[in-house]
Amino acid sequence: MDTTKTTDAPPPTSQPPANVQKRVNRGATRPGDRVFLGLSRGSGILLLVIMAAIAVFLTYRASLAISKDHGNFLTTFEWNTNLVPPSFGIAVLAFGTVVSSVIAMVLAVPVAVAIALFLTHYAPRRMSGPVAYVIDLLAAVPSIVYGLWGALILVPHLNGLFGWLDEYLGWTGIFSWQGGAPRSMLTVGILLAIMILPIITNVSREVFRQVPQMHEEAALALGATRWEVVRMSVLPFGRSGVISASMLGLGRALGETMAVATVLSPTFDIQTSLLDPGGGTFAQNIASKFGEATQDGRDALIASGLVLFVITLLVNGAARAIIARRKEYSGANA
């Protein structure tokens, strides 16, 4: 009987070879690496400089306008920069911008996510390709084309919807309608929803395509139905991507100009009903008044642009915070 003791082979080490470790320790020593590092760093710094320059310019010109404002910049319900002294405020503009964007998001996000799920998990390949191509084309349509379509096609066909809402939901006050052309905040929200729908759909579709196949196969092996696979595997994985897509759409809705100016009948008052004409948005007000504005009027419009700039930054910051709280669902951590 052989009693010779055998020694186990040492476990393999996870350290890379010496030549590889040297290259890692040296960092970006090749000329191409140094150039790429410099360009990347310079691009990041340039972006921060541009953002800071925009903020400084807007703040300076806004301070000039606000110092001459006879009314309260945040609460005044008028925009008359030709008075001496001028009187203007952003209460109506802020309300209209937020309300129209919220309506657009409420209408567009569920439909966009449903379309993305249909194209990636339900539609046959022969159908999903052409439909996705058409949606990509819709994302490239100029805003003025959407505005003309809204003014000539959408607005005349909303009388029936407005009448139905007034008949069954008019008692709420939010959907009461006094008649007239349906050029209201609800009309703006519907048009903005159509405009941002392709953006949210495209990004959500690409996110859902990145779901690991093993997750779906494991759910199916456990007896899950198609909807349960989507609910337990696809949606949790793509949640952060859907949030990012929604923020992209919200950014376009907040800053949309020509389409809103084409379908809205602006007035400087806040309507309790979404169906009555009136209201306005930051971008629409700037586009419609900038050409005929005096120097003080342009400073006032720039001040309103500063508020829109701050709102956009806050929205993006909130989106980043939400995504950071859901890192476990992102594709990078799958």
Protein backbone atom coordinates (compact mmCIF):
# COMPACT_ATOMS: atom_id res chain seq x y z
CA MET A 1 0.00 0.00 0.00
CA ASP A 2 1.43 3.28 -1.13
CA THR A 3 1.60 5.64 1.80
CA THR A 4 3.31 8.45 -0.03
CA LYS A 5 1.62 11.71 0.73
CA THR A 6 0.51 13.68 -2.26
CA THR A 7 0.42 17.42 -2.08
CA ASP A 8 -2.43 19.29 -3.67
CA ALA A 9 -1.55 21.69 -6.42
CA PRO A 10 -1.70 25.33 -5.32
CA PRO A 11 -4.91 27.03 -6.27
CA PRO A 12 -4.66 29.19 -9.33
CA THR A 13 -4.19 32.84 -8.57
CA SER A 14 -6.48 35.48 -9.92
CA GLN A 15 -3.63 37.93 -10.51
CA PRO A 16 -3.04 38.88 -14.15
CA PRO A 17 0.34 38.20 -15.76
CA ALA A 18 3.15 40.56 -14.94
CA ASN A 19 3.21 42.19 -18.38
CA VAL A 20 -0.54 42.86 -18.23
CA GLN A 21 -0.24 44.26 -14.70
CA LYS A 22 2.48 46.63 -15.86
CA ARG A 23 0.31 47.95 -18.65
CA VAL A 24 -2.57 48.46 -16.19
CA ASN A 25 -0.34 50.27 -13.70
CA ARG A 26 1.10 52.55 -16.35
CA GLY A 27 -2.41 53.79 -17.24
CA ALA A 28 -2.93 55.72 -20.44
CA THR A 29 0.65 55.68 -21.75
CA ARG A 30 -0.02 55.07 -25.41
CA PRO A 31 -0.48 58.18 -27.56
CA GLY A 32 -3.98 57.12 -28.60
CA ASP A 33 -5.01 56.59 -24.97
CA ARG A 34 -3.67 59.98 -23.96
CA VAL A 35 -5.48 61.69 -26.82
CA PHE A 36 -8.75 59.93 -26.00
CA LEU A 37 -8.39 60.76 -22.30
CA GLY A 38 -7.72 64.41 -23.08
CA LEU A 39 -10.65 64.68 -25.49
CA SER A 40 -13.02 63.01 -23.04
CA ARG A 41 -11.93 65.16 -20.14
CA GLY A 42 -12.01 68.30 -22.26
CA SER A 43 -15.51 67.51 -23.52
CA GLY A 44 -16.79 67.10 -19.99
CA ILE A 45 -15.19 70.35 -18.85
CA LEU A 46 -16.49 72.18 -21.94
CA LEU A 47 -20.02 70.98 -21.23
CA LEU A 48 -19.83 72.28 -17.67
CA VAL A 49 -18.44 75.61 -18.89
CA ILE A 50 -21.27 75.98 -21.42
CA MET A 51 -23.90 75.18 -18.79
CA ALA A 52 -22.34 77.68 -16.40
CA ALA A 53 -22.19 80.35 -19.12
CA ILE A 54 -25.87 79.83 -19.95
CA ALA A 55 -26.81 80.05 -16.29
CA VAL A 56 -24.76 83.24 -15.78
CA PHE A 57 -26.23 84.89 -18.88
CA LEU A 58 -29.81 84.02 -17.96
CA THR A 59 -29.33 85.10 -14.36
CA TYR A 60 -27.79 88.44 -15.30
CA ARG A 61 -30.46 89.38 -17.83
CA ALA A 62 -33.22 88.11 -15.53
CA SER A 63 -31.93 90.24 -12.66
CA LEU A 64 -32.15 93.33 -14.89
CA ALA A 65 -35.78 92.57 -15.74
CA ILE A 66 -36.91 91.62 -12.24
CA SER A 67 -35.38 94.78 -10.76
CA LYS A 68 -37.70 96.85 -13.00
CA ASP A 69 -40.80 94.68 -12.50
CA HIS A 70 -43.63 96.58 -10.83
CA GLY A 71 -45.52 93.37 -10.07
CA ASN A 72 -44.52 90.17 -8.35
CA PHE A 73 -42.50 88.04 -10.76
CA LEU A 74 -43.81 84.78 -9.30
CA THR A 75 -47.48 85.59 -8.72
CA THR A 76 -48.54 88.38 -11.13
CA PHE A 77 -51.24 87.33 -13.63
CA GLU A 78 -50.27 89.65 -16.47
CA TRP A 79 -47.49 90.21 -18.97
CA ASN A 80 -47.20 93.85 -19.97
CA THR A 81 -43.61 94.89 -20.45
CA ASN A 82 -44.53 98.09 -22.32
CA LEU A 83 -45.82 99.81 -19.19
CA VAL A 84 -43.65 102.25 -17.29
CA PRO A 85 -42.68 100.58 -15.03
CA PRO A 86 -43.33 97.16 -16.60
CA SER A 87 -45.52 94.60 -14.86
CA PHE A 88 -45.19 90.90 -15.57
CA GLY A 89 -45.22 87.53 -13.82
CA ILE A 90 -44.84 83.84 -14.57
CA ALA A 91 -47.72 82.36 -12.57
CA VAL A 92 -49.85 81.61 -15.64
CA LEU A 93 -46.87 80.38 -17.65
CA ALA A 94 -45.63 78.05 -14.92
CA PHE A 95 -49.11 76.63 -14.39
CA GLY A 96 -49.68 76.06 -18.11
CA THR A 97 -46.28 74.49 -18.67
CA VAL A 98 -46.65 72.05 -15.79
CA VAL A 99 -50.28 71.15 -16.50
CA SER A 100 -49.79 70.54 -20.23
CA SER A 101 -46.67 68.45 -19.58
CA VAL A 102 -48.40 66.37 -16.91
CA ILE A 103 -51.34 65.71 -19.24
CA ALA A 104 -48.92 64.66 -21.98
CA MET A 105 -47.05 62.29 -19.66
CA VAL A 106 -50.23 60.73 -18.29
CA LEU A 107 -51.45 60.01 -21.81
CA ALA A 108 -48.17 59.07 -23.48
CA VAL A 109 -46.21 56.94 -20.99
CA PRO A 110 -48.68 54.03 -20.57
CA VAL A 111 -49.31 53.86 -24.32
CA ALA A 112 -45.60 54.05 -25.14
CA VAL A 113 -44.69 51.29 -22.68
CA ALA A 114 -47.52 49.12 -24.01
CA ILE A 115 -46.33 49.61 -27.60
CA ALA A 116 -42.74 48.81 -26.62
CA LEU A 117 -43.83 45.62 -24.84
CA PHE A 118 -45.97 44.59 -27.81
CA LEU A 119 -43.13 45.08 -30.28
CA THR A 120 -40.58 43.20 -28.18
CA HIS A 121 -42.61 40.36 -26.67
CA TYR A 122 -45.89 39.90 -28.51
CA ALA A 123 -45.74 41.06 -32.12
CA PRO A 124 -44.37 38.69 -34.79
CA ARG A 125 -41.07 39.68 -36.33
CA ARG A 126 -42.67 40.59 -39.66
CA MET A 127 -44.87 43.12 -37.91
CA SER A 128 -42.51 44.51 -35.27
CA GLY A 129 -39.89 45.65 -37.80
CA PRO A 130 -42.13 47.86 -39.98
CA VAL A 131 -44.02 49.25 -36.98
CA ALA A 132 -40.76 50.16 -35.23
CA TYR A 133 -39.56 51.84 -38.42
CA VAL A 134 -42.72 53.96 -38.62
CA ILE A 135 -42.33 54.99 -34.98
CA ASP A 136 -38.73 56.01 -35.67
CA LEU A 137 -39.96 58.21 -38.51
CA LEU A 138 -42.54 59.86 -36.24
CA ALA A 139 -39.76 60.91 -33.87
CA ALA A 140 -38.13 62.88 -36.70
CA VAL A 141 -41.22 64.89 -37.71
CA PRO A 142 -40.62 68.65 -37.12
CA SER A 143 -42.63 70.41 -34.44
CA ILE A 144 -44.28 72.82 -36.86
CA VAL A 145 -45.69 69.88 -38.83
CA TYR A 146 -47.26 68.52 -35.65
CA GLY A 147 -48.59 72.01 -34.94
CA LEU A 148 -50.19 72.38 -38.36
CA TRP A 149 -51.71 68.91 -38.11
CA GLY A 150 -53.04 69.78 -34.67
CA ALA A 151 -54.58 73.06 -35.82
CA LEU A 152 -56.12 71.71 -39.03
CA ILE A 153 -57.04 68.13 -38.07
CA LEU A 154 -56.94 67.59 -34.32
CA VAL A 155 -58.69 70.73 -33.06
CA PRO A 156 -61.79 70.43 -35.31
CA HIS A 157 -62.28 66.79 -34.27
CA LEU A 158 -62.10 67.39 -30.51
CA ASN A 159 -65.58 68.90 -30.22
CA GLY A 160 -67.12 65.47 -29.69
CA LEU A 161 -64.61 64.52 -26.97
CA PHE A 162 -65.04 67.85 -25.19
CA GLY A 163 -68.82 67.55 -25.32
CA TRP A 164 -68.69 64.02 -23.89
CA LEU A 165 -66.36 65.10 -21.08
CA ASP A 166 -68.59 68.06 -20.27
CA GLU A 167 -71.71 65.88 -20.22
CA TYR A 168 -70.40 63.14 -17.95
CA LEU A 169 -67.55 64.79 -16.03
CA GLY A 170 -68.47 68.45 -16.18
CA TRP A 171 -69.72 68.34 -12.59
CA THR A 172 -66.08 68.11 -11.44
CA GLY A 173 -65.33 71.57 -12.80
CA ILE A 174 -62.11 70.33 -14.36
CA PHE A 175 -63.91 69.08 -17.48
CA SER A 176 -66.66 71.68 -17.81
CA TRP A 177 -66.90 73.27 -21.25
CA GLN A 178 -68.52 76.55 -22.21
CA GLY A 179 -68.37 75.86 -25.93
CA GLY A 180 -66.15 77.47 -28.53
CA ALA A 181 -63.06 76.20 -30.29
CA PRO A 182 -61.28 73.46 -28.31
CA ARG A 183 -57.96 75.31 -28.08
CA SER A 184 -57.27 74.60 -24.44
CA MET A 185 -54.69 73.01 -22.18
CA LEU A 186 -56.19 69.59 -22.77
CA THR A 187 -55.69 70.07 -26.51
CA VAL A 188 -52.08 71.05 -25.92
CA GLY A 189 -51.56 68.02 -23.67
CA ILE A 190 -53.00 65.65 -26.27
CA LEU A 191 -50.78 67.08 -29.01
CA LEU A 192 -47.69 66.94 -26.78
CA ALA A 193 -48.51 63.32 -25.90
CA ILE A 194 -48.54 62.43 -29.60
CA MET A 195 -45.22 64.21 -30.07
CA ILE A 196 -43.37 62.54 -27.20
CA LEU A 197 -44.88 59.10 -27.79
CA PRO A 198 -42.22 58.01 -30.35
CA ILE A 199 -39.34 59.09 -28.10
CA ILE A 200 -40.55 57.14 -25.07
CA THR A 201 -41.50 54.14 -27.21
CA ASN A 202 -38.13 53.90 -28.95
CA VAL A 203 -36.05 54.12 -25.79
CA SER A 204 -38.32 51.72 -23.87
CA ARG A 205 -38.23 49.23 -26.74
CA GLU A 206 -34.42 49.16 -26.75
CA VAL A 207 -34.38 48.73 -22.96
CA PHE A 208 -36.82 45.80 -23.06
CA ARG A 209 -34.70 44.13 -25.73
CA GLN A 210 -31.78 44.01 -23.27
CA VAL A 211 -33.63 41.84 -20.74
CA PRO A 212 -31.51 38.69 -20.17
CA GLN A 213 -33.05 35.73 -21.94
CA MET A 214 -32.30 33.55 -18.92
CA HIS A 215 -34.67 35.58 -16.77
CA GLU A 216 -37.56 35.07 -19.14
CA GLU A 217 -36.80 31.38 -19.70
CA ALA A 218 -36.56 30.79 -15.95
CA ALA A 219 -39.95 32.39 -15.39
CA LEU A 220 -41.49 30.32 -18.19
CA ALA A 221 -39.92 27.15 -16.76
CA LEU A 222 -41.64 27.88 -13.44
CA GLY A 223 -44.99 28.01 -15.20
CA ALA A 224 -45.40 31.76 -15.58
CA THR A 225 -47.71 33.10 -18.25
CA ARG A 226 -46.57 35.62 -20.83
CA TRP A 227 -47.94 38.52 -18.79
CA GLU A 228 -46.33 37.20 -15.60
CA VAL A 229 -42.99 37.03 -17.42
CA VAL A 230 -43.41 40.66 -18.44
CA ARG A 231 -44.48 41.71 -14.95
CA MET A 232 -41.80 39.81 -13.02
CA SER A 233 -38.83 39.87 -15.41
CA VAL A 234 -39.17 42.54 -18.07
CA LEU A 235 -40.68 45.51 -16.24
CA PRO A 236 -38.40 45.36 -13.16
CA PHE A 237 -35.34 45.12 -15.41
CA GLY A 238 -36.40 48.01 -17.63
CA ARG A 239 -37.85 50.30 -14.97
CA SER A 240 -34.91 52.68 -14.85
CA GLY A 241 -34.80 52.79 -18.64
CA VAL A 242 -38.49 53.62 -18.84
CA ILE A 243 -37.96 56.42 -16.32
CA SER A 244 -35.12 57.79 -18.43
CA ALA A 245 -37.26 57.59 -21.56
CA SER A 246 -40.09 59.38 -19.77
CA MET A 247 -37.75 62.17 -18.70
CA LEU A 248 -36.60 62.62 -22.30
CA GLY A 249 -40.20 62.95 -23.35
CA LEU A 250 -40.95 65.32 -20.49
CA GLY A 251 -38.01 67.50 -21.52
CA ARG A 252 -39.47 67.89 -25.00
CA ALA A 253 -42.93 68.57 -23.62
CA LEU A 254 -41.63 71.28 -21.29
CA GLY A 255 -39.77 73.11 -24.03
CA GLU A 256 -42.11 72.62 -26.98
CA THR A 257 -42.81 75.91 -28.74
CA MET A 258 -44.31 76.03 -32.22
CA ALA A 259 -46.80 73.19 -31.83
CA VAL A 260 -48.19 74.75 -28.63
CA ALA A 261 -48.37 78.22 -30.16
CA THR A 262 -50.29 76.81 -33.13
CA VAL A 263 -53.11 75.08 -31.23
CA LEU A 264 -53.46 77.21 -28.07
CA SER A 265 -55.49 80.39 -27.61
CA PRO A 266 -53.29 82.07 -24.98
CA THR A 267 -54.58 84.39 -22.27
CA PHE A 268 -52.97 85.47 -19.04
CA ASP A 269 -55.37 83.80 -16.67
CA ILE A 270 -55.65 80.36 -15.10
CA GLN A 271 -58.75 78.41 -16.08
CA THR A 272 -60.15 75.92 -13.60
CA SER A 273 -61.35 73.77 -16.51
CA LEU A 274 -58.93 72.02 -18.82
CA LEU A 275 -61.40 72.44 -21.68
CA ASP A 276 -61.71 76.24 -21.69
CA PRO A 277 -59.32 78.26 -23.87
CA GLY A 278 -56.64 80.22 -22.10
CA GLY A 279 -53.35 79.91 -20.33
CA GLY A 280 -49.91 79.69 -21.82
CA THR A 281 -46.48 78.09 -21.51
CA PHE A 282 -42.98 79.46 -21.14
CA ALA A 283 -41.79 78.42 -24.59
CA GLN A 284 -44.98 79.54 -26.35
CA ASN A 285 -44.88 82.95 -24.67
CA ILE A 286 -41.22 83.50 -25.56
CA ALA A 287 -41.77 82.53 -29.20
CA SER A 288 -44.85 84.68 -29.65
CA LYS A 289 -43.57 87.84 -27.94
CA PHE A 290 -39.83 87.91 -28.56
CA GLY A 291 -39.96 89.42 -32.06
CA GLU A 292 -41.90 92.53 -31.03
CA ALA A 293 -40.48 92.93 -27.52
CA THR A 294 -38.46 95.93 -26.38
CA GLN A 295 -35.17 95.58 -24.54
CA ASP A 296 -36.96 95.34 -21.20
CA GLY A 297 -39.44 92.91 -22.72
CA ARG A 298 -36.66 90.66 -23.95
CA ASP A 299 -35.04 90.70 -20.53
CA ALA A 300 -38.39 89.68 -19.05
CA LEU A 301 -38.70 86.82 -21.53
CA ILE A 302 -35.17 85.73 -20.67
CA ALA A 303 -36.18 85.76 -17.00
CA SER A 304 -39.02 83.38 -17.82
CA GLY A 305 -36.54 81.25 -19.75
CA LEU A 306 -34.39 81.07 -16.62
CA VAL A 307 -37.34 79.62 -14.71
CA LEU A 308 -37.85 77.01 -17.45
CA PHE A 309 -34.12 76.24 -17.30
CA VAL A 310 -34.35 75.66 -13.54
CA ILE A 311 -37.46 73.48 -13.92
CA THR A 312 -35.66 71.34 -16.50
CA LEU A 313 -32.65 70.90 -14.22
CA LEU A 314 -34.90 69.93 -11.31
CA VAL A 315 -36.75 67.38 -13.45
CA ASN A 316 -33.50 65.80 -14.61
CA GLY A 317 -32.14 65.78 -11.08
CA ALA A 318 -35.27 64.07 -9.81
CA ALA A 319 -34.99 61.48 -12.56
CA ARG A 320 -31.37 60.77 -11.66
CA ALA A 321 -32.33 60.36 -8.00
CA ILE A 322 -35.11 57.91 -8.88
CA ILE A 323 -32.80 55.87 -11.11
CA ALA A 324 -30.08 55.84 -8.44
CA ARG A 325 -32.55 54.36 -5.94
CA ARG A 326 -33.35 51.54 -8.37
CA LYS A 327 -29.85 50.51 -9.43
CA GLU A 328 -30.65 46.89 -8.75
CA TYR A 329 -33.06 46.93 -11.70
CA SER A 330 -30.69 48.47 -14.23
CA GLY A 331 -29.24 46.42 -17.05
CA ALA A 332 -25.68 47.20 -15.96
CA ASN A 333 -26.23 45.35 -12.70
CA ALA A 334 -28.12 42.41 -14.13
